[in-house]
């Protein structure tokens, strides 16, 4: 299992390397995300809503909806879950409270070959 608090920037950790992939996640909010410099304070002050943790076979990351309604990635990439198939991902709805992220609801999403991801 991947801890969602480890995906949002932590000043004491090195940023994770991003792997090239075919199904691209949403674009980052800003350059601070991939550098590991997007912190809980940025999340609190930015007016982000609908924070979710996305876990795929080869990576995991956090997304949130910005004030203009755009879904953006708010974390560097973390480890995935090899138990998932290539066409599956887990979306965990999270609650942000007291500078902490707590997973609330988990949904397994499976894409068919006909769908565009």
N, C-alpha and C. Protein backbone atom coordinates (compact mmCIF):
# COMPACT_ATOMS: atom_id res chain seq x y z
N UNK A 1 0.84 -1.20 0.00
CA UNK A 1 0.00 0.00 0.00
C UNK A 1 0.87 1.25 0.00
N UNK A 2 0.38 2.27 -0.64
CA UNK A 2 1.11 3.53 -0.74
C UNK A 2 0.43 4.55 0.16
N UNK A 3 1.19 5.23 0.97
CA UNK A 3 0.67 6.25 1.88
C UNK A 3 0.47 7.55 1.11
N UNK A 4 -0.77 8.09 1.04
CA UNK A 4 -0.99 9.32 0.28
C UNK A 4 -0.21 10.51 0.82
N UNK A 5 0.13 10.50 2.10
CA UNK A 5 0.90 11.61 2.66
C UNK A 5 2.34 11.63 2.14
N UNK A 6 2.82 10.48 1.63
CA UNK A 6 4.17 10.43 1.09
C UNK A 6 4.23 10.96 -0.34
N UNK A 7 3.09 11.12 -1.00
CA UNK A 7 3.09 11.59 -2.39
C UNK A 7 3.13 13.11 -2.49
N UNK A 8 2.54 13.81 -1.54
CA UNK A 8 2.62 15.27 -1.55
C UNK A 8 3.98 15.65 -0.98
N UNK A 9 4.55 16.72 -1.49
CA UNK A 9 5.93 17.10 -1.17
C UNK A 9 6.28 17.05 0.30
N UNK A 10 7.45 16.54 0.56
CA UNK A 10 7.98 16.48 1.91
C UNK A 10 9.40 17.02 1.82
N UNK A 11 9.71 18.04 2.57
CA UNK A 11 11.00 18.71 2.45
C UNK A 11 12.18 17.80 2.77
N UNK A 12 11.97 16.69 3.44
CA UNK A 12 13.10 15.85 3.83
C UNK A 12 13.32 14.68 2.88
N UNK A 13 12.51 14.54 1.82
CA UNK A 13 12.68 13.41 0.91
C UNK A 13 13.16 13.89 -0.45
N UNK A 14 13.86 12.98 -1.16
CA UNK A 14 14.28 13.28 -2.53
C UNK A 14 13.08 13.08 -3.45
N UNK A 15 12.97 13.87 -4.53
CA UNK A 15 11.88 13.66 -5.48
C UNK A 15 12.03 12.33 -6.21
N UNK A 16 10.91 11.72 -6.58
CA UNK A 16 10.93 10.46 -7.29
C UNK A 16 11.10 10.70 -8.78
N UNK A 17 11.66 9.74 -9.47
CA UNK A 17 11.86 9.87 -10.92
C UNK A 17 10.57 9.54 -11.65
N UNK A 18 10.27 10.30 -12.69
CA UNK A 18 9.08 10.08 -13.49
C UNK A 18 9.42 9.17 -14.66
N UNK A 19 8.59 8.13 -14.89
CA UNK A 19 8.81 7.22 -15.99
C UNK A 19 7.94 7.62 -17.17
N UNK A 20 8.45 7.49 -18.41
CA UNK A 20 7.60 7.77 -19.55
C UNK A 20 6.53 6.68 -19.67
N UNK A 21 5.31 7.06 -19.97
CA UNK A 21 4.21 6.11 -20.08
C UNK A 21 3.31 6.51 -21.24
N UNK A 22 2.44 5.59 -21.63
CA UNK A 22 1.54 5.86 -22.75
C UNK A 22 0.29 6.60 -22.31
N UNK A 23 -0.32 6.17 -21.22
CA UNK A 23 -1.53 6.83 -20.73
C UNK A 23 -1.11 7.91 -19.74
N UNK A 24 -1.05 9.12 -20.21
CA UNK A 24 -0.53 10.20 -19.37
C UNK A 24 -1.55 10.66 -18.34
N UNK A 25 -1.11 10.89 -17.12
CA UNK A 25 -2.00 11.46 -16.10
C UNK A 25 -2.21 12.94 -16.38
N UNK A 26 -3.07 13.58 -15.62
CA UNK A 26 -3.27 15.03 -15.81
C UNK A 26 -1.96 15.79 -15.66
N UNK A 27 -1.88 16.94 -16.29
CA UNK A 27 -0.70 17.79 -16.16
C UNK A 27 -0.56 18.27 -14.73
N UNK A 28 0.65 18.66 -14.36
CA UNK A 28 0.88 19.14 -13.00
C UNK A 28 0.33 20.55 -12.83
N UNK A 29 0.05 20.90 -11.59
CA UNK A 29 -0.43 22.24 -11.25
C UNK A 29 0.62 23.27 -11.62
N UNK A 30 1.88 23.00 -11.26
CA UNK A 30 2.99 23.89 -11.60
C UNK A 30 4.30 23.13 -11.49
N UNK A 31 5.39 23.79 -11.80
CA UNK A 31 6.71 23.15 -11.81
C UNK A 31 7.14 22.62 -10.45
N UNK A 32 6.55 23.11 -9.38
CA UNK A 32 6.94 22.67 -8.04
C UNK A 32 6.58 21.22 -7.77
N UNK A 33 5.58 20.69 -8.49
CA UNK A 33 5.09 19.34 -8.22
C UNK A 33 6.17 18.29 -8.50
N UNK A 34 6.70 18.25 -9.71
CA UNK A 34 7.69 17.22 -10.05
C UNK A 34 9.00 17.40 -9.31
N UNK A 35 9.28 18.59 -8.85
CA UNK A 35 10.48 18.83 -8.06
C UNK A 35 10.30 18.43 -6.59
N UNK A 36 9.08 18.02 -6.22
CA UNK A 36 8.81 17.64 -4.83
C UNK A 36 8.67 18.83 -3.91
N UNK A 37 8.35 20.00 -4.47
CA UNK A 37 8.25 21.22 -3.67
C UNK A 37 6.82 21.75 -3.59
N UNK A 38 5.83 20.90 -3.84
CA UNK A 38 4.42 21.26 -3.67
C UNK A 38 4.00 20.66 -2.33
N UNK A 39 3.69 21.51 -1.37
CA UNK A 39 3.48 21.07 0.00
C UNK A 39 2.02 21.14 0.41
N UNK A 40 1.74 20.60 1.60
CA UNK A 40 0.38 20.65 2.14
C UNK A 40 -0.09 22.09 2.23
N UNK A 41 0.79 23.02 2.56
CA UNK A 41 0.39 24.43 2.65
C UNK A 41 -0.07 24.95 1.29
N UNK A 42 0.57 24.50 0.20
CA UNK A 42 0.13 24.89 -1.15
C UNK A 42 -1.26 24.33 -1.43
N UNK A 43 -1.48 23.10 -0.99
CA UNK A 43 -2.78 22.47 -1.19
C UNK A 43 -3.86 23.21 -0.39
N UNK A 44 -3.55 23.54 0.85
CA UNK A 44 -4.50 24.26 1.71
C UNK A 44 -4.82 25.65 1.16
N UNK A 45 -3.81 26.36 0.70
CA UNK A 45 -4.00 27.75 0.27
C UNK A 45 -4.52 27.88 -1.16
N UNK A 46 -4.40 26.81 -1.95
CA UNK A 46 -4.75 26.90 -3.37
C UNK A 46 -6.21 26.70 -3.69
N UNK A 47 -7.04 26.38 -2.71
CA UNK A 47 -8.46 26.18 -2.97
C UNK A 47 -8.76 24.91 -3.74
N UNK A 48 -7.92 23.89 -3.62
CA UNK A 48 -8.12 22.64 -4.35
C UNK A 48 -9.25 21.83 -3.74
N UNK A 49 -9.96 21.12 -4.58
CA UNK A 49 -11.08 20.28 -4.14
C UNK A 49 -10.91 18.89 -4.74
N UNK A 50 -11.71 17.95 -4.28
CA UNK A 50 -11.75 16.59 -4.83
C UNK A 50 -10.36 15.97 -4.91
N UNK A 51 -9.65 15.95 -3.81
CA UNK A 51 -8.32 15.35 -3.77
C UNK A 51 -8.47 13.84 -3.87
N UNK A 52 -7.72 13.24 -4.79
CA UNK A 52 -7.76 11.79 -4.97
C UNK A 52 -6.36 11.24 -5.13
N UNK A 53 -6.19 10.02 -4.67
CA UNK A 53 -4.97 9.28 -4.91
C UNK A 53 -5.26 8.29 -6.02
N UNK A 54 -4.43 8.25 -7.04
CA UNK A 54 -4.59 7.33 -8.15
C UNK A 54 -3.45 6.32 -8.09
N UNK A 55 -3.81 5.03 -8.07
CA UNK A 55 -2.80 3.97 -8.04
C UNK A 55 -2.97 3.13 -9.30
N UNK A 56 -1.92 3.04 -10.08
CA UNK A 56 -1.89 2.22 -11.28
C UNK A 56 -0.86 1.12 -11.08
N UNK A 57 -0.75 0.25 -12.06
CA UNK A 57 0.18 -0.87 -11.93
C UNK A 57 1.62 -0.41 -11.72
N UNK A 58 2.04 0.65 -12.42
CA UNK A 58 3.45 1.04 -12.38
C UNK A 58 3.72 2.36 -11.66
N UNK A 59 2.68 3.01 -11.12
CA UNK A 59 2.90 4.30 -10.46
C UNK A 59 1.68 4.69 -9.64
N UNK A 60 1.87 5.68 -8.78
CA UNK A 60 0.77 6.28 -8.04
C UNK A 60 1.03 7.77 -7.96
N UNK A 61 -0.04 8.53 -7.81
CA UNK A 61 0.09 9.99 -7.75
C UNK A 61 -1.20 10.57 -7.19
N UNK A 62 -1.14 11.84 -6.80
CA UNK A 62 -2.31 12.55 -6.28
C UNK A 62 -2.81 13.53 -7.32
N UNK A 63 -4.13 13.68 -7.40
CA UNK A 63 -4.74 14.69 -8.26
C UNK A 63 -5.74 15.50 -7.44
N UNK A 64 -6.04 16.70 -7.92
CA UNK A 64 -7.04 17.55 -7.28
C UNK A 64 -7.64 18.45 -8.34
N UNK A 65 -8.83 18.95 -8.05
CA UNK A 65 -9.50 19.88 -8.95
C UNK A 65 -9.15 21.30 -8.54
N UNK A 66 -8.68 22.10 -9.50
CA UNK A 66 -8.30 23.49 -9.23
C UNK A 66 -9.54 24.37 -9.18
N UNK A 67 -9.36 25.61 -8.81
CA UNK A 67 -10.49 26.54 -8.69
C UNK A 67 -11.18 26.77 -10.03
N UNK A 68 -10.48 26.56 -11.16
CA UNK A 68 -11.13 26.73 -12.47
C UNK A 68 -11.73 25.42 -13.00
N UNK A 69 -11.72 24.36 -12.18
CA UNK A 69 -12.36 23.10 -12.56
C UNK A 69 -11.46 22.11 -13.28
N UNK A 70 -10.18 22.43 -13.42
CA UNK A 70 -9.24 21.54 -14.09
C UNK A 70 -8.70 20.51 -13.11
N UNK A 71 -8.66 19.24 -13.53
CA UNK A 71 -8.05 18.20 -12.70
C UNK A 71 -6.56 18.20 -13.00
N UNK A 72 -5.74 18.37 -11.97
CA UNK A 72 -4.29 18.47 -12.13
C UNK A 72 -3.58 17.54 -11.16
N UNK A 73 -2.41 17.08 -11.56
CA UNK A 73 -1.59 16.25 -10.69
C UNK A 73 -0.90 17.16 -9.68
N UNK A 74 -0.93 16.75 -8.40
CA UNK A 74 -0.35 17.57 -7.33
C UNK A 74 0.78 16.86 -6.60
N UNK A 75 1.27 15.76 -7.16
CA UNK A 75 2.37 15.04 -6.51
C UNK A 75 3.30 14.46 -7.56
N UNK A 76 4.56 14.19 -7.16
CA UNK A 76 5.43 13.41 -8.04
C UNK A 76 4.89 11.99 -8.12
N UNK A 77 5.49 11.17 -8.95
CA UNK A 77 5.05 9.78 -9.06
C UNK A 77 5.66 8.94 -7.96
N UNK A 78 4.85 8.03 -7.42
CA UNK A 78 5.31 7.07 -6.43
C UNK A 78 5.19 5.66 -6.99
N UNK A 79 5.37 4.68 -6.14
CA UNK A 79 5.30 3.28 -6.55
C UNK A 79 3.87 2.90 -6.92
N UNK A 80 3.76 1.94 -7.83
CA UNK A 80 2.46 1.42 -8.21
C UNK A 80 2.13 0.16 -7.43
N UNK A 81 1.09 -0.55 -7.90
CA UNK A 81 0.65 -1.79 -7.28
C UNK A 81 0.63 -2.86 -8.37
N UNK A 82 1.60 -3.76 -8.35
CA UNK A 82 1.74 -4.76 -9.41
C UNK A 82 0.61 -5.79 -9.41
N UNK A 83 -0.25 -5.77 -8.41
CA UNK A 83 -1.41 -6.66 -8.42
C UNK A 83 -2.47 -6.19 -9.41
N UNK A 84 -2.39 -4.92 -9.82
CA UNK A 84 -3.35 -4.39 -10.78
C UNK A 84 -2.97 -4.79 -12.20
N UNK A 85 -3.98 -4.94 -13.05
CA UNK A 85 -3.74 -5.17 -14.48
C UNK A 85 -3.41 -3.84 -15.13
N UNK A 86 -2.86 -3.87 -16.35
CA UNK A 86 -2.48 -2.64 -17.05
C UNK A 86 -3.68 -1.74 -17.32
N UNK A 87 -4.88 -2.31 -17.43
CA UNK A 87 -6.08 -1.51 -17.72
C UNK A 87 -6.87 -1.15 -16.46
N UNK A 88 -6.28 -1.34 -15.29
CA UNK A 88 -6.97 -1.05 -14.04
C UNK A 88 -6.24 0.03 -13.26
N UNK A 89 -7.01 0.76 -12.46
CA UNK A 89 -6.42 1.70 -11.51
C UNK A 89 -7.37 1.84 -10.33
N UNK A 90 -6.82 2.24 -9.22
CA UNK A 90 -7.61 2.49 -8.02
C UNK A 90 -7.65 4.00 -7.82
N UNK A 91 -8.85 4.51 -7.60
CA UNK A 91 -9.02 5.93 -7.29
C UNK A 91 -9.50 6.01 -5.85
N UNK A 92 -8.71 6.64 -5.01
CA UNK A 92 -9.07 6.79 -3.59
C UNK A 92 -9.46 8.24 -3.34
N UNK A 93 -10.71 8.45 -3.01
CA UNK A 93 -11.18 9.78 -2.63
C UNK A 93 -10.59 10.09 -1.26
N UNK A 94 -9.99 11.26 -1.11
CA UNK A 94 -9.30 11.61 0.13
C UNK A 94 -9.89 12.85 0.76
N UNK A 95 -9.74 12.93 2.06
CA UNK A 95 -10.12 14.11 2.82
C UNK A 95 -8.85 14.79 3.30
N UNK A 96 -8.76 16.10 3.09
CA UNK A 96 -7.62 16.88 3.57
C UNK A 96 -8.07 17.62 4.82
N UNK A 97 -7.43 17.30 5.94
CA UNK A 97 -7.83 17.90 7.20
C UNK A 97 -6.62 17.99 8.11
N UNK A 98 -6.43 19.14 8.73
CA UNK A 98 -5.33 19.34 9.69
C UNK A 98 -3.98 18.96 9.08
N UNK A 99 -3.72 19.44 7.86
CA UNK A 99 -2.46 19.18 7.16
C UNK A 99 -2.14 17.70 7.00
N UNK A 100 -3.19 16.91 6.82
CA UNK A 100 -3.02 15.47 6.60
C UNK A 100 -4.02 15.01 5.55
N UNK A 101 -3.66 13.98 4.81
CA UNK A 101 -4.54 13.42 3.79
C UNK A 101 -5.01 12.06 4.26
N UNK A 102 -6.32 11.86 4.30
CA UNK A 102 -6.87 10.60 4.76
C UNK A 102 -7.74 9.99 3.66
N UNK A 103 -7.40 8.77 3.18
CA UNK A 103 -8.25 8.11 2.19
C UNK A 103 -9.62 7.80 2.78
N UNK A 104 -10.68 8.02 2.01
CA UNK A 104 -12.04 7.81 2.49
C UNK A 104 -12.77 6.70 1.74
N UNK A 105 -12.67 6.70 0.42
CA UNK A 105 -13.43 5.76 -0.40
C UNK A 105 -12.53 5.28 -1.52
N UNK A 106 -12.60 3.98 -1.83
CA UNK A 106 -11.74 3.41 -2.86
C UNK A 106 -12.59 2.84 -3.98
N UNK A 107 -12.24 3.18 -5.22
CA UNK A 107 -12.98 2.71 -6.39
C UNK A 107 -11.99 2.05 -7.34
N UNK A 108 -12.28 0.81 -7.78
CA UNK A 108 -11.46 0.14 -8.78
C UNK A 108 -12.04 0.47 -10.15
N UNK A 109 -11.24 1.08 -11.02
CA UNK A 109 -11.67 1.47 -12.36
C UNK A 109 -10.98 0.55 -13.35
N UNK A 110 -11.77 -0.09 -14.23
CA UNK A 110 -11.22 -0.95 -15.28
C UNK A 110 -11.61 -0.38 -16.63
N UNK A 111 -10.61 -0.16 -17.49
CA UNK A 111 -10.87 0.37 -18.83
C UNK A 111 -10.90 -0.77 -19.83
N UNK A 112 -11.84 -0.69 -20.79
CA UNK A 112 -11.87 -1.67 -21.88
C UNK A 112 -10.98 -1.17 -23.01
N UNK A 113 -10.70 -2.02 -23.98
CA UNK A 113 -9.83 -1.64 -25.09
C UNK A 113 -10.44 -0.53 -25.93
N UNK A 114 -11.75 -0.41 -25.96
CA UNK A 114 -12.42 0.59 -26.79
C UNK A 114 -12.33 1.99 -26.20
N UNK A 115 -12.07 2.10 -24.91
CA UNK A 115 -12.04 3.40 -24.25
C UNK A 115 -10.71 4.10 -24.47
N UNK A 116 -10.77 5.41 -24.56
CA UNK A 116 -9.56 6.22 -24.61
C UNK A 116 -9.28 6.69 -23.19
N UNK A 117 -8.11 6.40 -22.69
CA UNK A 117 -7.77 6.76 -21.31
C UNK A 117 -7.06 8.09 -21.31
